[in-house]
Amino acid sequence: GAGAGAGDALCGFGSSVPVHAEMVSSALVKCEAPAHAAGMVVVEVSTSDEGQQFSHSGMVYEYTHEALVVGVEPRGGPQGGGTVVRVALSSVDSSSVSSCRFGTIGPLAGRRGG
């Protein structure tokens, strides 16, 4: 969620409003990236001062366009699975897609095909 109270850790993703970060250990925080336009942003962390001071690591996170499925071949297969399914995508760099999901089954590893 957006914003956090006093003493909470925060993650900053570029120019977005900082989000709450969970302190997993003294060396690890976990946070959810907020919505942002596609592109590279610097990610920094604040663990004190109510977000007045953030780290200066320069670590980068890349927001990508969501994959849009425009075709599936074949359109069906046996219940036992095992069918290799070709998924056609639009408006995305297919090299950045690493997995897919069929309903509630997934993520499944993907591989690029010809």
N, C-alpha and C. Protein backbone atom coordinates (compact mmCIF):
# COMPACT_ATOMS: atom_id res chain seq x y z
N GLY A 1 0.82 -1.18 0.00
CA GLY A 1 0.00 0.00 0.00
C GLY A 1 0.86 1.24 0.00
N ALA A 2 0.26 2.37 -0.27
CA ALA A 2 1.00 3.63 -0.34
C ALA A 2 1.22 4.20 1.04
N GLY A 3 2.38 4.80 1.22
CA GLY A 3 2.71 5.47 2.48
C GLY A 3 2.89 4.51 3.62
N ALA A 4 3.52 4.97 4.67
CA ALA A 4 3.75 4.15 5.85
C ALA A 4 3.91 5.06 7.06
N GLY A 5 3.70 4.50 8.22
CA GLY A 5 3.79 5.27 9.45
C GLY A 5 5.21 5.40 9.96
N ALA A 6 5.37 6.13 11.05
CA ALA A 6 6.69 6.35 11.65
C ALA A 6 7.37 5.03 11.97
N GLY A 7 8.67 4.95 11.67
CA GLY A 7 9.44 3.77 12.01
C GLY A 7 9.35 2.65 11.00
N ASP A 8 8.46 2.78 10.00
CA ASP A 8 8.32 1.74 8.99
C ASP A 8 9.38 1.91 7.90
N ALA A 9 9.77 0.79 7.31
CA ALA A 9 10.67 0.85 6.16
C ALA A 9 9.85 1.17 4.92
N LEU A 10 10.48 1.85 3.98
CA LEU A 10 9.82 2.23 2.73
C LEU A 10 10.71 1.87 1.55
N CYS A 11 10.08 1.59 0.41
CA CYS A 11 10.80 1.42 -0.85
C CYS A 11 10.35 2.52 -1.79
N GLY A 12 11.30 3.14 -2.45
CA GLY A 12 11.01 4.16 -3.43
C GLY A 12 11.33 3.64 -4.82
N PHE A 13 10.35 3.69 -5.73
CA PHE A 13 10.53 3.25 -7.12
C PHE A 13 10.44 4.48 -8.01
N GLY A 14 11.56 5.04 -8.40
CA GLY A 14 11.55 6.23 -9.24
C GLY A 14 10.79 7.36 -8.58
N SER A 15 9.91 8.01 -9.34
CA SER A 15 9.15 9.15 -8.84
C SER A 15 7.83 8.77 -8.20
N SER A 16 7.53 7.46 -8.09
CA SER A 16 6.27 7.01 -7.46
C SER A 16 6.29 7.30 -5.96
N VAL A 17 5.11 7.38 -5.36
CA VAL A 17 5.00 7.54 -3.91
C VAL A 17 5.62 6.30 -3.26
N PRO A 18 6.51 6.47 -2.28
CA PRO A 18 7.13 5.32 -1.62
C PRO A 18 6.08 4.37 -1.03
N VAL A 19 6.41 3.07 -1.05
CA VAL A 19 5.50 2.05 -0.55
C VAL A 19 6.09 1.36 0.68
N HIS A 20 5.22 0.75 1.48
CA HIS A 20 5.63 0.02 2.69
C HIS A 20 6.59 -1.11 2.33
N ALA A 21 7.58 -1.32 3.15
CA ALA A 21 8.54 -2.42 2.97
C ALA A 21 8.55 -3.26 4.24
N GLU A 22 8.53 -4.56 4.08
CA GLU A 22 8.61 -5.48 5.22
C GLU A 22 10.07 -5.79 5.50
N MET A 23 10.50 -5.57 6.74
CA MET A 23 11.87 -5.89 7.14
C MET A 23 11.96 -7.40 7.36
N VAL A 24 12.56 -8.13 6.44
CA VAL A 24 12.69 -9.58 6.54
C VAL A 24 13.85 -9.93 7.47
N SER A 25 14.95 -9.19 7.34
CA SER A 25 16.11 -9.35 8.22
C SER A 25 16.85 -8.02 8.20
N SER A 26 17.99 -7.98 8.90
CA SER A 26 18.76 -6.73 8.93
C SER A 26 19.36 -6.40 7.56
N ALA A 27 19.36 -7.37 6.65
CA ALA A 27 19.96 -7.15 5.33
C ALA A 27 18.98 -7.33 4.18
N LEU A 28 17.67 -7.53 4.48
CA LEU A 28 16.71 -7.81 3.43
C LEU A 28 15.36 -7.18 3.73
N VAL A 29 14.83 -6.42 2.76
CA VAL A 29 13.47 -5.89 2.86
C VAL A 29 12.67 -6.42 1.68
N LYS A 30 11.35 -6.51 1.87
CA LYS A 30 10.47 -7.00 0.81
C LYS A 30 9.40 -5.94 0.58
N CYS A 31 9.20 -5.55 -0.68
CA CYS A 31 8.16 -4.57 -0.99
C CYS A 31 7.56 -4.89 -2.35
N GLU A 32 6.35 -4.39 -2.57
CA GLU A 32 5.64 -4.59 -3.82
C GLU A 32 5.77 -3.34 -4.68
N ALA A 33 6.20 -3.55 -5.92
CA ALA A 33 6.37 -2.42 -6.83
C ALA A 33 5.01 -1.79 -7.14
N PRO A 34 4.90 -0.46 -7.00
CA PRO A 34 3.65 0.21 -7.35
C PRO A 34 3.51 0.34 -8.87
N ALA A 35 2.33 0.68 -9.33
CA ALA A 35 2.10 0.89 -10.75
C ALA A 35 3.01 2.01 -11.24
N HIS A 36 3.49 1.88 -12.47
CA HIS A 36 4.41 2.87 -13.03
C HIS A 36 4.46 2.66 -14.54
N ALA A 37 4.71 3.68 -15.28
CA ALA A 37 4.87 3.56 -16.72
C ALA A 37 6.08 2.67 -17.03
N ALA A 38 6.07 2.05 -18.20
CA ALA A 38 7.18 1.20 -18.61
C ALA A 38 8.47 2.00 -18.66
N GLY A 39 9.56 1.37 -18.23
CA GLY A 39 10.86 2.02 -18.25
C GLY A 39 11.67 1.66 -17.02
N MET A 40 12.89 2.16 -16.97
CA MET A 40 13.81 1.88 -15.88
C MET A 40 13.63 2.93 -14.78
N VAL A 41 13.64 2.47 -13.52
CA VAL A 41 13.59 3.38 -12.39
C VAL A 41 14.62 2.94 -11.36
N VAL A 42 15.09 3.87 -10.57
CA VAL A 42 16.01 3.57 -9.48
C VAL A 42 15.17 3.16 -8.27
N VAL A 43 15.60 2.10 -7.57
CA VAL A 43 14.91 1.63 -6.36
C VAL A 43 15.80 1.92 -5.17
N GLU A 44 15.23 2.61 -4.19
CA GLU A 44 15.98 2.93 -2.97
C GLU A 44 15.13 2.58 -1.75
N VAL A 45 15.77 2.42 -0.61
CA VAL A 45 15.11 2.00 0.62
C VAL A 45 15.35 3.01 1.73
N SER A 46 14.32 3.23 2.54
CA SER A 46 14.44 4.04 3.75
C SER A 46 14.02 3.18 4.93
N THR A 47 14.88 3.08 5.94
CA THR A 47 14.55 2.27 7.11
C THR A 47 14.35 3.11 8.37
N SER A 48 14.41 4.43 8.22
CA SER A 48 14.20 5.31 9.37
C SER A 48 13.82 6.70 8.89
N ASP A 49 13.57 7.59 9.79
CA ASP A 49 13.30 9.00 9.49
C ASP A 49 12.02 9.22 8.68
N GLU A 50 11.07 8.29 8.78
CA GLU A 50 9.78 8.42 8.09
C GLU A 50 9.95 8.73 6.60
N GLY A 51 10.95 8.14 5.98
CA GLY A 51 11.16 8.32 4.56
C GLY A 51 11.87 9.59 4.17
N GLN A 52 12.46 10.29 5.15
CA GLN A 52 13.18 11.52 4.83
C GLN A 52 14.53 11.24 4.17
N GLN A 53 15.12 10.07 4.48
CA GLN A 53 16.41 9.71 3.90
C GLN A 53 16.30 8.32 3.27
N PHE A 54 16.72 8.23 2.01
CA PHE A 54 16.72 6.96 1.29
C PHE A 54 18.15 6.56 0.96
N SER A 55 18.36 5.28 0.71
CA SER A 55 19.66 4.80 0.28
C SER A 55 20.04 5.46 -1.05
N HIS A 56 21.28 5.31 -1.44
CA HIS A 56 21.75 5.87 -2.70
C HIS A 56 22.52 4.79 -3.47
N SER A 57 21.92 3.61 -3.58
CA SER A 57 22.60 2.47 -4.20
C SER A 57 22.61 2.54 -5.72
N GLY A 58 21.61 3.20 -6.30
CA GLY A 58 21.53 3.27 -7.75
C GLY A 58 21.03 1.99 -8.40
N MET A 59 20.49 1.06 -7.60
CA MET A 59 19.96 -0.19 -8.16
C MET A 59 18.75 0.13 -9.04
N VAL A 60 18.62 -0.58 -10.16
CA VAL A 60 17.59 -0.27 -11.15
C VAL A 60 16.58 -1.41 -11.26
N TYR A 61 15.32 -1.04 -11.43
CA TYR A 61 14.21 -1.98 -11.67
C TYR A 61 13.57 -1.57 -12.99
N GLU A 62 13.22 -2.56 -13.81
CA GLU A 62 12.60 -2.23 -15.10
C GLU A 62 11.13 -2.61 -15.13
N TYR A 63 10.30 -1.61 -15.37
CA TYR A 63 8.88 -1.85 -15.60
C TYR A 63 8.72 -2.17 -17.08
N THR A 64 8.03 -3.25 -17.40
CA THR A 64 7.83 -3.65 -18.79
C THR A 64 6.35 -3.61 -19.13
N HIS A 65 6.07 -3.56 -20.42
CA HIS A 65 4.68 -3.63 -20.87
C HIS A 65 4.16 -5.03 -20.55
N GLU A 66 2.89 -5.12 -20.17
CA GLU A 66 2.30 -6.42 -19.90
C GLU A 66 2.16 -7.20 -21.20
N ALA A 67 2.38 -8.50 -21.11
CA ALA A 67 2.20 -9.35 -22.28
C ALA A 67 0.71 -9.45 -22.60
N LEU A 68 0.39 -9.32 -23.87
CA LEU A 68 -0.99 -9.43 -24.32
C LEU A 68 -1.08 -10.64 -25.24
N VAL A 69 -1.84 -11.66 -24.82
CA VAL A 69 -2.00 -12.88 -25.61
C VAL A 69 -2.98 -12.59 -26.75
N VAL A 70 -2.54 -12.86 -27.99
CA VAL A 70 -3.40 -12.62 -29.16
C VAL A 70 -3.72 -13.91 -29.90
N GLY A 71 -3.13 -15.02 -29.48
CA GLY A 71 -3.44 -16.30 -30.13
C GLY A 71 -2.86 -17.47 -29.35
N VAL A 72 -3.52 -18.63 -29.46
CA VAL A 72 -3.08 -19.86 -28.81
C VAL A 72 -3.26 -21.00 -29.81
N GLU A 73 -2.23 -21.85 -29.93
CA GLU A 73 -2.28 -22.96 -30.87
C GLU A 73 -1.61 -24.17 -30.26
N PRO A 74 -2.21 -25.34 -30.14
CA PRO A 74 -3.61 -25.63 -30.48
C PRO A 74 -4.56 -25.02 -29.45
N ARG A 75 -5.83 -25.00 -29.76
CA ARG A 75 -6.83 -24.40 -28.88
C ARG A 75 -7.32 -25.37 -27.82
N GLY A 76 -6.83 -26.60 -27.79
CA GLY A 76 -7.24 -27.57 -26.78
C GLY A 76 -6.26 -28.72 -26.73
N GLY A 77 -6.41 -29.56 -25.70
CA GLY A 77 -5.54 -30.72 -25.54
C GLY A 77 -6.10 -31.65 -24.47
N PRO A 78 -5.48 -32.81 -24.28
CA PRO A 78 -5.98 -33.79 -23.30
C PRO A 78 -5.89 -33.29 -21.86
N GLN A 79 -6.79 -33.80 -21.01
CA GLN A 79 -6.82 -33.40 -19.60
C GLN A 79 -5.53 -33.73 -18.88
N GLY A 80 -4.84 -34.75 -19.31
CA GLY A 80 -3.60 -35.15 -18.66
C GLY A 80 -2.45 -34.20 -18.88
N GLY A 81 -2.63 -33.24 -19.78
CA GLY A 81 -1.58 -32.26 -20.06
C GLY A 81 -0.53 -32.79 -21.00
N GLY A 82 0.58 -32.09 -21.08
CA GLY A 82 1.69 -32.49 -21.91
C GLY A 82 1.70 -31.88 -23.30
N THR A 83 0.64 -31.17 -23.67
CA THR A 83 0.59 -30.55 -24.99
C THR A 83 1.47 -29.31 -25.03
N VAL A 84 2.30 -29.20 -26.04
CA VAL A 84 3.10 -27.99 -26.23
C VAL A 84 2.17 -26.95 -26.86
N VAL A 85 2.04 -25.82 -26.21
CA VAL A 85 1.13 -24.77 -26.65
C VAL A 85 1.95 -23.57 -27.11
N ARG A 86 1.65 -23.09 -28.31
CA ARG A 86 2.29 -21.87 -28.83
C ARG A 86 1.39 -20.70 -28.47
N VAL A 87 1.97 -19.69 -27.85
CA VAL A 87 1.23 -18.50 -27.44
C VAL A 87 1.78 -17.32 -28.22
N ALA A 88 0.90 -16.65 -28.98
CA ALA A 88 1.31 -15.47 -29.75
C ALA A 88 1.07 -14.23 -28.90
N LEU A 89 2.06 -13.35 -28.85
CA LEU A 89 1.99 -12.16 -28.03
C LEU A 89 2.02 -10.91 -28.89
N SER A 90 1.48 -9.82 -28.35
CA SER A 90 1.51 -8.53 -29.02
C SER A 90 2.00 -7.48 -28.04
N SER A 91 2.67 -6.48 -28.54
CA SER A 91 3.10 -5.32 -27.74
C SER A 91 4.01 -5.69 -26.59
N VAL A 92 4.89 -6.65 -26.78
CA VAL A 92 5.83 -7.01 -25.73
C VAL A 92 7.07 -7.63 -26.36
N ASP A 93 8.19 -7.45 -25.72
CA ASP A 93 9.42 -8.10 -26.14
C ASP A 93 9.34 -9.54 -25.65
N SER A 94 9.14 -10.48 -26.55
CA SER A 94 8.93 -11.87 -26.14
C SER A 94 10.11 -12.46 -25.39
N SER A 95 11.30 -11.88 -25.53
CA SER A 95 12.46 -12.39 -24.81
C SER A 95 12.36 -12.12 -23.31
N SER A 96 11.46 -11.20 -22.90
CA SER A 96 11.32 -10.89 -21.48
C SER A 96 10.27 -11.78 -20.80
N VAL A 97 9.55 -12.62 -21.56
CA VAL A 97 8.55 -13.51 -20.98
C VAL A 97 9.24 -14.80 -20.55
N SER A 98 9.13 -15.12 -19.26
CA SER A 98 9.83 -16.30 -18.75
C SER A 98 8.90 -17.41 -18.30
N SER A 99 7.61 -17.13 -18.16
CA SER A 99 6.68 -18.16 -17.71
C SER A 99 5.27 -17.80 -18.15
N CYS A 100 4.37 -18.77 -18.02
CA CYS A 100 2.96 -18.54 -18.32
C CYS A 100 2.11 -19.33 -17.34
N ARG A 101 0.81 -19.09 -17.39
CA ARG A 101 -0.11 -19.76 -16.47
C ARG A 101 -1.35 -20.16 -17.26
N PHE A 102 -1.87 -21.35 -16.97
CA PHE A 102 -3.12 -21.82 -17.56
C PHE A 102 -4.14 -21.89 -16.43
N GLY A 103 -5.05 -20.92 -16.36
CA GLY A 103 -6.00 -20.86 -15.25
C GLY A 103 -5.25 -20.69 -13.95
N THR A 104 -5.42 -21.63 -13.03
CA THR A 104 -4.73 -21.54 -11.74
C THR A 104 -3.43 -22.36 -11.72
N ILE A 105 -3.07 -22.97 -12.85
CA ILE A 105 -1.87 -23.79 -12.93
C ILE A 105 -0.72 -22.93 -13.43
N GLY A 106 0.28 -22.74 -12.60
CA GLY A 106 1.43 -21.96 -13.04
C GLY A 106 2.07 -21.27 -11.86
N PRO A 107 3.16 -20.57 -12.07
CA PRO A 107 3.76 -20.32 -13.38
C PRO A 107 4.49 -21.54 -13.92
N LEU A 108 4.44 -21.70 -15.22
CA LEU A 108 5.13 -22.77 -15.92
C LEU A 108 6.27 -22.17 -16.72
N ALA A 109 7.39 -22.86 -16.74
CA ALA A 109 8.54 -22.35 -17.50
C ALA A 109 8.20 -22.32 -18.97
N GLY A 110 8.63 -21.27 -19.63
CA GLY A 110 8.40 -21.14 -21.05
C GLY A 110 9.71 -21.21 -21.80
N ARG A 111 9.62 -21.43 -23.08
CA ARG A 111 10.81 -21.37 -23.92
C ARG A 111 10.43 -20.74 -25.25
N ARG A 112 11.35 -20.05 -25.83
CA ARG A 112 11.11 -19.38 -27.11
C ARG A 112 11.12 -20.42 -28.21
N GLY A 113 10.18 -20.29 -29.10
CA GLY A 113 10.12 -21.18 -30.25
C GLY A 113 10.13 -20.40 -31.53
N GLY A 114 10.23 -21.12 -32.63
CA GLY A 114 10.23 -20.48 -33.93
C GLY A 114 8.87 -20.47 -34.56
